[in-house]
Amino acid sequence: MTGHAGQTAAARRVRVPVEFVLQWDDELVPREGALALFDELGSREKTLHANPGGHLEVPDFELDASGRFLARHLLRRA
């Protein structure tokens, strides 16, 4: 990630499971930067969900998927 050494270092320290939601046509977060950040995540369990649309056009089913992801990982750790 060019120009974002702090973000890269922080991403490499992430060790918890990650579900990364990417809007393919995001007008605020460049796709290449988001993909580079995902690549740098240090978690052994990471998933990328990419959808067409802009920053605020995350599909409802992704919100449902995020809820299931959190419940799965929080309940597993309890």
PDB file of N, CA and C in Angstrom:
ATOM      1  N   MET A   1       0.847  -1.186   0.000  1.00  0.00           N
ATOM      2  CA  MET A   1       0.000   0.000   0.000  1.00  0.00           C
ATOM      3  C   MET A   1       0.882   1.235   0.000  1.00  0.00           C
ATOM      4  N   THR A   2       1.075   1.787  -1.109  1.00  0.00           N
ATOM      5  CA  THR A   2       1.936   2.945  -1.258  1.00  0.00           C
ATOM      6  C   THR A   2       1.397   4.134  -0.471  1.00  0.00           C
ATOM      7  N   GLY A   3       2.259   4.731   0.375  1.00  0.00           N
ATOM      8  CA  GLY A   3       1.883   5.933   1.098  1.00  0.00           C
ATOM      9  C   GLY A   3       1.067   5.698   2.351  1.00  0.00           C
ATOM     10  N   HIS A   4       0.861   4.460   2.731  1.00  0.00           N
ATOM     11  CA  HIS A   4       0.042   4.166   3.908  1.00  0.00           C
ATOM     12  C   HIS A   4       0.761   3.186   4.823  1.00  0.00           C
ATOM     13  N   ALA A   5       1.990   3.519   5.211  1.00  0.00           N
ATOM     14  CA  ALA A   5       2.806   2.612   6.012  1.00  0.00           C
ATOM     15  C   ALA A   5       2.131   2.275   7.335  1.00  0.00           C
ATOM     16  N   GLY A   6       1.466   3.244   7.956  1.00  0.00           N
ATOM     17  CA  GLY A   6       0.787   2.993   9.219  1.00  0.00           C
ATOM     18  C   GLY A   6      -0.351   2.007   9.074  1.00  0.00           C
ATOM     19  N   GLN A   7      -1.133   2.139   8.014  1.00  0.00           N
ATOM     20  CA  GLN A   7      -2.226   1.205   7.763  1.00  0.00           C
ATOM     21  C   GLN A   7      -1.702  -0.188   7.453  1.00  0.00           C
ATOM     22  N   THR A   8      -0.651  -0.257   6.687  1.00  0.00           N
ATOM     23  CA  THR A   8      -0.066  -1.550   6.328  1.00  0.00           C
ATOM     24  C   THR A   8       0.432  -2.263   7.571  1.00  0.00           C
ATOM     25  N   ALA A   9       1.140  -1.553   8.427  1.00  0.00           N
ATOM     26  CA  ALA A   9       1.662  -2.158   9.654  1.00  0.00           C
ATOM     27  C   ALA A   9       0.519  -2.619  10.552  1.00  0.00           C
ATOM     28  N   ALA A  10      -0.503  -1.808  10.676  1.00  0.00           N
ATOM     29  CA  ALA A  10      -1.657  -2.176  11.512  1.00  0.00           C
ATOM     30  C   ALA A  10      -2.374  -3.391  10.935  1.00  0.00           C
ATOM     31  N   ALA A  11      -2.552  -3.427   9.618  1.00  0.00           N
ATOM     32  CA  ALA A  11      -3.238  -4.556   8.979  1.00  0.00           C
ATOM     33  C   ALA A  11      -2.473  -5.849   9.200  1.00  0.00           C
ATOM     34  N   ARG A  12      -1.176  -5.796   9.172  1.00  0.00           N
ATOM     35  CA  ARG A  12      -0.354  -6.997   9.371  1.00  0.00           C
ATOM     36  C   ARG A  12      -0.492  -7.559  10.784  1.00  0.00           C
ATOM     37  N   ARG A  13      -0.849  -6.698  11.750  1.00  0.00           N
ATOM     38  CA  ARG A  13      -1.009  -7.140  13.134  1.00  0.00           C
ATOM     39  C   ARG A  13      -2.383  -7.757  13.415  1.00  0.00           C
ATOM     40  N   VAL A  14      -3.314  -7.638  12.493  1.00  0.00           N
ATOM     41  CA  VAL A  14      -4.659  -8.191  12.700  1.00  0.00           C
ATOM     42  C   VAL A  14      -4.574  -9.716  12.689  1.00  0.00           C
ATOM     43  N   ARG A  15      -5.063 -10.333  13.755  1.00  0.00           N
ATOM     44  CA  ARG A  15      -5.013 -11.795  13.881  1.00  0.00           C
ATOM     45  C   ARG A  15      -6.395 -12.420  14.066  1.00  0.00           C
ATOM     46  N   VAL A  16      -7.413 -11.615  14.191  1.00  0.00           N
ATOM     47  CA  VAL A  16      -8.775 -12.131  14.370  1.00  0.00           C
ATOM     48  C   VAL A  16      -9.404 -12.382  12.999  1.00  0.00           C
ATOM     49  N   PRO A  17     -10.450 -13.209  12.939  1.00  0.00           N
ATOM     50  CA  PRO A  17     -11.137 -13.427  11.661  1.00  0.00           C
ATOM     51  C   PRO A  17     -11.687 -12.109  11.108  1.00  0.00           C
ATOM     52  N   VAL A  18     -11.643 -11.973   9.788  1.00  0.00           N
ATOM     53  CA  VAL A  18     -12.083 -10.745   9.118  1.00  0.00           C
ATOM     54  C   VAL A  18     -13.021 -11.086   7.970  1.00  0.00           C
ATOM     55  N   GLU A  19     -14.139 -10.371   7.903  1.00  0.00           N
ATOM     56  CA  GLU A  19     -15.004 -10.397   6.724  1.00  0.00           C
ATOM     57  C   GLU A  19     -14.940  -8.994   6.126  1.00  0.00           C
ATOM     58  N   PHE A  20     -14.319  -8.875   4.991  1.00  0.00           N
ATOM     59  CA  PHE A  20     -13.987  -7.593   4.360  1.00  0.00           C
ATOM     60  C   PHE A  20     -14.988  -7.341   3.236  1.00  0.00           C
ATOM     61  N   VAL A  21     -15.782  -6.294   3.378  1.00  0.00           N
ATOM     62  CA  VAL A  21     -16.801  -5.963   2.370  1.00  0.00           C
ATOM     63  C   VAL A  21     -16.263  -4.833   1.499  1.00  0.00           C
ATOM     64  N   LEU A  22     -16.256  -5.058   0.207  1.00  0.00           N
ATOM     65  CA  LEU A  22     -15.723  -4.105  -0.767  1.00  0.00           C
ATOM     66  C   LEU A  22     -16.804  -3.761  -1.788  1.00  0.00           C
ATOM     67  N   GLN A  23     -17.067  -2.490  -1.943  1.00  0.00           N
ATOM     68  CA  GLN A  23     -17.955  -2.028  -3.007  1.00  0.00           C
ATOM     69  C   GLN A  23     -17.084  -1.716  -4.222  1.00  0.00           C
ATOM     70  N   TRP A  24     -17.303  -2.433  -5.298  1.00  0.00           N
ATOM     71  CA  TRP A  24     -16.442  -2.394  -6.479  1.00  0.00           C
ATOM     72  C   TRP A  24     -16.319  -1.004  -7.092  1.00  0.00           C
ATOM     73  N   ASP A  25     -17.387  -0.240  -7.006  1.00  0.00           N
ATOM     74  CA  ASP A  25     -17.397   1.097  -7.614  1.00  0.00           C
ATOM     75  C   ASP A  25     -17.353   2.199  -6.558  1.00  0.00           C
ATOM     76  N   ASP A  26     -16.749   1.904  -5.420  1.00  0.00           N
ATOM     77  CA  ASP A  26     -16.685   2.838  -4.287  1.00  0.00           C
ATOM     78  C   ASP A  26     -16.012   4.137  -4.717  1.00  0.00           C
ATOM     79  N   GLU A  27     -16.702   5.237  -4.483  1.00  0.00           N
ATOM     80  CA  GLU A  27     -16.169   6.545  -4.864  1.00  0.00           C
ATOM     81  C   GLU A  27     -15.298   7.158  -3.764  1.00  0.00           C
ATOM     82  N   LEU A  28     -15.270   6.542  -2.574  1.00  0.00           N
ATOM     83  CA  LEU A  28     -14.465   7.064  -1.466  1.00  0.00           C
ATOM     84  C   LEU A  28     -13.206   6.240  -1.199  1.00  0.00           C
ATOM     85  N   VAL A  29     -13.291   4.943  -1.422  1.00  0.00           N
ATOM     86  CA  VAL A  29     -12.167   4.040  -1.166  1.00  0.00           C
ATOM     87  C   VAL A  29     -11.762   3.395  -2.491  1.00  0.00           C
ATOM     88  N   PRO A  30     -10.626   3.768  -3.030  1.00  0.00           N
ATOM     89  CA  PRO A  30     -10.198   3.195  -4.312  1.00  0.00           C
ATOM     90  C   PRO A  30     -10.061   1.669  -4.218  1.00  0.00           C
ATOM     91  N   ARG A  31     -10.557   0.994  -5.231  1.00  0.00           N
ATOM     92  CA  ARG A  31     -10.544  -0.470  -5.262  1.00  0.00           C
ATOM     93  C   ARG A  31      -9.143  -1.042  -5.032  1.00  0.00           C
ATOM     94  N   GLU A  32      -8.148  -0.487  -5.706  1.00  0.00           N
ATOM     95  CA  GLU A  32      -6.790  -1.003  -5.595  1.00  0.00           C
ATOM     96  C   GLU A  32      -6.276  -0.898  -4.164  1.00  0.00           C
ATOM     97  N   GLY A  33      -6.609   0.211  -3.500  1.00  0.00           N
ATOM     98  CA  GLY A  33      -6.192   0.386  -2.111  1.00  0.00           C
ATOM     99  C   GLY A  33      -6.887  -0.581  -1.176  1.00  0.00           C
ATOM    100  N   ALA A  34      -8.167  -0.805  -1.405  1.00  0.00           N
ATOM    101  CA  ALA A  34      -8.921  -1.750  -0.578  1.00  0.00           C
ATOM    102  C   ALA A  34      -8.387  -3.170  -0.761  1.00  0.00           C
ATOM    103  N   LEU A  35      -8.110  -3.550  -1.997  1.00  0.00           N
ATOM    104  CA  LEU A  35      -7.568  -4.888  -2.254  1.00  0.00           C
ATOM    105  C   LEU A  35      -6.175  -5.049  -1.646  1.00  0.00           C
ATOM    106  N   ALA A  36      -5.370  -4.008  -1.711  1.00  0.00           N
ATOM    107  CA  ALA A  36      -4.039  -4.054  -1.106  1.00  0.00           C
ATOM    108  C   ALA A  36      -4.144  -4.192   0.411  1.00  0.00           C
ATOM    109  N   LEU A  37      -5.085  -3.481   1.014  1.00  0.00           N
ATOM    110  CA  LEU A  37      -5.283  -3.581   2.457  1.00  0.00           C
ATOM    111  C   LEU A  37      -5.714  -4.999   2.838  1.00  0.00           C
ATOM    112  N   PHE A  38      -6.639  -5.576   2.072  1.00  0.00           N
ATOM    113  CA  PHE A  38      -7.065  -6.947   2.323  1.00  0.00           C
ATOM    114  C   PHE A  38      -5.865  -7.895   2.252  1.00  0.00           C
ATOM    115  N   ASP A  39      -5.035  -7.730   1.259  1.00  0.00           N
ATOM    116  CA  ASP A  39      -3.849  -8.585   1.110  1.00  0.00           C
ATOM    117  C   ASP A  39      -2.923  -8.488   2.318  1.00  0.00           C
ATOM    118  N   GLU A  40      -2.830  -7.326   2.922  1.00  0.00           N
ATOM    119  CA  GLU A  40      -1.916  -7.118   4.044  1.00  0.00           C
ATOM    120  C   GLU A  40      -2.455  -7.648   5.370  1.00  0.00           C
ATOM    121  N   LEU A  41      -3.743  -7.917   5.462  1.00  0.00           N
ATOM    122  CA  LEU A  41      -4.303  -8.398   6.725  1.00  0.00           C
ATOM    123  C   LEU A  41      -3.568  -9.651   7.184  1.00  0.00           C
ATOM    124  N   GLY A  42      -3.153  -9.664   8.444  1.00  0.00           N
ATOM    125  CA  GLY A  42      -2.386 -10.781   8.966  1.00  0.00           C
ATOM    126  C   GLY A  42      -3.228 -11.958   9.422  1.00  0.00           C
ATOM    127  N   SER A  43      -4.531 -11.826   9.378  1.00  0.00           N
ATOM    128  CA  SER A  43      -5.414 -12.897   9.819  1.00  0.00           C
ATOM    129  C   SER A  43      -5.278 -14.127   8.930  1.00  0.00           C
ATOM    130  N   ARG A  44      -5.304 -15.301   9.560  1.00  0.00           N
ATOM    131  CA  ARG A  44      -5.283 -16.549   8.785  1.00  0.00           C
ATOM    132  C   ARG A  44      -6.668 -16.867   8.247  1.00  0.00           C
ATOM    133  N   GLU A  45      -7.680 -16.234   8.816  1.00  0.00           N
ATOM    134  CA  GLU A  45      -9.057 -16.456   8.376  1.00  0.00           C
ATOM    135  C   GLU A  45      -9.637 -15.118   7.917  1.00  0.00           C
ATOM    136  N   LYS A  46      -9.614 -14.912   6.608  1.00  0.00           N
ATOM    137  CA  LYS A  46     -10.155 -13.672   6.065  1.00  0.00           C
ATOM    138  C   LYS A  46     -10.926 -13.984   4.793  1.00  0.00           C
ATOM    139  N   THR A  47     -12.004 -13.251   4.615  1.00  0.00           N
ATOM    140  CA  THR A  47     -12.886 -13.443   3.470  1.00  0.00           C
ATOM    141  C   THR A  47     -13.168 -12.085   2.850  1.00  0.00           C
ATOM    142  N   LEU A  48     -13.160 -12.034   1.519  1.00  0.00           N
ATOM    143  CA  LEU A  48     -13.457 -10.807   0.788  1.00  0.00           C
ATOM    144  C   LEU A  48     -14.819 -10.953   0.114  1.00  0.00           C
ATOM    145  N   HIS A  49     -15.712 -10.023   0.399  1.00  0.00           N
ATOM    146  CA  HIS A  49     -17.018  -9.969  -0.262  1.00  0.00           C
ATOM    147  C   HIS A  49     -17.033  -8.719  -1.132  1.00  0.00           C
ATOM    148  N   ALA A  50     -17.051  -8.877  -2.432  1.00  0.00           N
ATOM    149  CA  ALA A  50     -17.067  -7.750  -3.366  1.00  0.00           C
ATOM    150  C   ALA A  50     -18.422  -7.671  -4.054  1.00  0.00           C
ATOM    151  N   ASN A  51     -18.966  -6.461  -4.118  1.00  0.00           N
ATOM    152  CA  ASN A  51     -20.274  -6.226  -4.728  1.00  0.00           C
ATOM    153  C   ASN A  51     -20.200  -5.009  -5.636  1.00  0.00           C
ATOM    154  N   PRO A  52     -20.979  -5.007  -6.715  1.00  0.00           N
ATOM    155  CA  PRO A  52     -21.039  -3.801  -7.543  1.00  0.00           C
ATOM    156  C   PRO A  52     -21.730  -2.686  -6.773  1.00  0.00           C
ATOM    157  N   GLY A  53     -21.384  -1.470  -7.122  1.00  0.00           N
ATOM    158  CA  GLY A  53     -22.054  -0.330  -6.515  1.00  0.00           C
ATOM    159  C   GLY A  53     -21.101   0.574  -5.773  1.00  0.00           C
ATOM    160  N   GLY A  54     -21.650   1.728  -5.384  1.00  0.00           N
ATOM    161  CA  GLY A  54     -20.881   2.747  -4.691  1.00  0.00           C
ATOM    162  C   GLY A  54     -20.779   2.501  -3.198  1.00  0.00           C
ATOM    163  N   HIS A  55     -20.127   3.431  -2.527  1.00  0.00           N
ATOM    164  CA  HIS A  55     -19.809   3.318  -1.110  1.00  0.00           C
ATOM    165  C   HIS A  55     -21.041   3.038  -0.242  1.00  0.00           C
ATOM    166  N   LEU A  56     -22.125   3.689  -0.522  1.00  0.00           N
ATOM    167  CA  LEU A  56     -23.337   3.542   0.295  1.00  0.00           C
ATOM    168  C   LEU A  56     -24.333   2.542  -0.270  1.00  0.00           C
ATOM    169  N   GLU A  57     -23.910   1.733  -1.234  1.00  0.00           N
ATOM    170  CA  GLU A  57     -24.818   0.790  -1.884  1.00  0.00           C
ATOM    171  C   GLU A  57     -24.536  -0.665  -1.491  1.00  0.00           C
ATOM    172  N   VAL A  58     -24.124  -0.861  -0.243  1.00  0.00           N
ATOM    173  CA  VAL A  58     -23.889  -2.221   0.244  1.00  0.00           C
ATOM    174  C   VAL A  58     -25.234  -2.959   0.250  1.00  0.00           C
ATOM    175  N   PRO A  59     -25.308  -4.111  -0.392  1.00  0.00           N
ATOM    176  CA  PRO A  59     -26.572  -4.847  -0.451  1.00  0.00           C
ATOM    177  C   PRO A  59     -27.025  -5.317   0.942  1.00  0.00           C
ATOM    178  N   ASP A  60     -28.332  -5.383   1.126  1.00  0.00           N
ATOM    179  CA  ASP A  60     -28.881  -5.828   2.406  1.00  0.00           C
ATOM    180  C   ASP A  60     -28.359  -7.194   2.803  1.00  0.00           C
ATOM    181  N   PHE A  61     -28.166  -8.093   1.829  1.00  0.00           N
ATOM    182  CA  PHE A  61     -27.704  -9.436   2.177  1.00  0.00           C
ATOM    183  C   PHE A  61     -26.314  -9.422   2.809  1.00  0.00           C
ATOM    184  N   GLU A  62     -25.515  -8.389   2.510  1.00  0.00           N
ATOM    185  CA  GLU A  62     -24.200  -8.281   3.153  1.00  0.00           C
ATOM    186  C   GLU A  62     -24.347  -7.934   4.630  1.00  0.00           C
ATOM    187  N   LEU A  63     -25.332  -7.119   4.956  1.00  0.00           N
ATOM    188  CA  LEU A  63     -25.576  -6.796   6.363  1.00  0.00           C
ATOM    189  C   LEU A  63     -25.985  -8.059   7.112  1.00  0.00           C
ATOM    190  N   ASP A  64     -26.825  -8.878   6.498  1.00  0.00           N
ATOM    191  CA  ASP A  64     -27.211 -10.153   7.093  1.00  0.00           C
ATOM    192  C   ASP A  64     -25.989 -11.061   7.264  1.00  0.00           C
ATOM    193  N   ALA A  65     -25.141 -11.115   6.240  1.00  0.00           N
ATOM    194  CA  ALA A  65     -23.938 -11.950   6.292  1.00  0.00           C
ATOM    195  C   ALA A  65     -23.002 -11.473   7.402  1.00  0.00           C
ATOM    196  N   SER A  66     -22.889 -10.164   7.569  1.00  0.00           N
ATOM    197  CA  SER A  66     -22.031  -9.620   8.629  1.00  0.00           C
ATOM    198  C   SER A  66     -22.556 -10.011  10.004  1.00  0.00           C
ATOM    199  N   GLY A  67     -23.866  -9.968  10.164  1.00  0.00           N
ATOM    200  CA  GLY A  67     -24.470 -10.384  11.429  1.00  0.00           C
ATOM    201  C   GLY A  67     -24.179 -11.846  11.734  1.00  0.00           C
ATOM    202  N   ARG A  68     -24.290 -12.706  10.729  1.00  0.00           N
ATOM    203  CA  ARG A  68     -23.992 -14.134  10.917  1.00  0.00           C
ATOM    204  C   ARG A  68     -22.511 -14.349  11.234  1.00  0.00           C
ATOM    205  N   PHE A  69     -21.653 -13.599  10.546  1.00  0.00           N
ATOM    206  CA  PHE A  69     -20.207 -13.699  10.789  1.00  0.00           C
ATOM    207  C   PHE A  69     -19.896 -13.346  12.243  1.00  0.00           C
ATOM    208  N   LEU A  70     -20.433 -12.223  12.709  1.00  0.00           N
ATOM    209  CA  LEU A  70     -20.173 -11.803  14.090  1.00  0.00           C
ATOM    210  C   LEU A  70     -20.729 -12.807  15.087  1.00  0.00           C
ATOM    211  N   ALA A  71     -21.955 -13.253  14.868  1.00  0.00           N
ATOM    212  CA  ALA A  71     -22.546 -14.224  15.782  1.00  0.00           C
ATOM    213  C   ALA A  71     -21.724 -15.504  15.814  1.00  0.00           C
ATOM    214  N   ARG A  72     -21.297 -15.969  14.671  1.00  0.00           N
ATOM    215  CA  ARG A  72     -20.510 -17.199  14.589  1.00  0.00           C
ATOM    216  C   ARG A  72     -19.206 -17.077  15.373  1.00  0.00           C
ATOM    217  N   HIS A  73     -18.519 -15.964  15.199  1.00  0.00           N
ATOM    218  CA  HIS A  73     -17.213 -15.825  15.832  1.00  0.00           C
ATOM    219  C   HIS A  73     -17.312 -15.401  17.286  1.00  0.00           C
ATOM    220  N   LEU A  74     -18.292 -14.606  17.637  1.00  0.00           N
ATOM    221  CA  LEU A  74     -18.440 -14.216  19.029  1.00  0.00           C
ATOM    222  C   LEU A  74     -18.948 -15.367  19.872  1.00  0.00           C
ATOM    223  N   LEU A  75     -19.892 -16.146  19.346  1.00  0.00           N
ATOM    224  CA  LEU A  75     -20.422 -17.281  20.094  1.00  0.00           C
ATOM    225  C   LEU A  75     -19.385 -18.392  20.214  1.00  0.00           C
ATOM    226  N   ARG A  76     -18.568 -18.547  19.201  1.00  0.00           N
ATOM    227  CA  ARG A  76     -17.522 -19.572  19.229  1.00  0.00           C
ATOM    228  C   ARG A  76     -16.496 -19.271  20.322  1.00  0.00           C
ATOM    229  N   ARG A  77     -16.269 -18.000  20.573  1.00  0.00           N
ATOM    230  CA  ARG A  77     -15.247 -17.584  21.549  1.00  0.00           C
ATOM    231  C   ARG A  77     -15.808 -17.538  22.973  1.00  0.00           C
ATOM    232  N   ALA A  78     -17.113 -17.536  23.117  1.00  0.00           N
ATOM    233  CA  ALA A  78     -17.730 -17.404  24.454  1.00  0.00           C
ATOM    234  C   ALA A  78     -17.629 -18.685  25.250  1.00  0.00           C
TER     235      ALA A  78
END
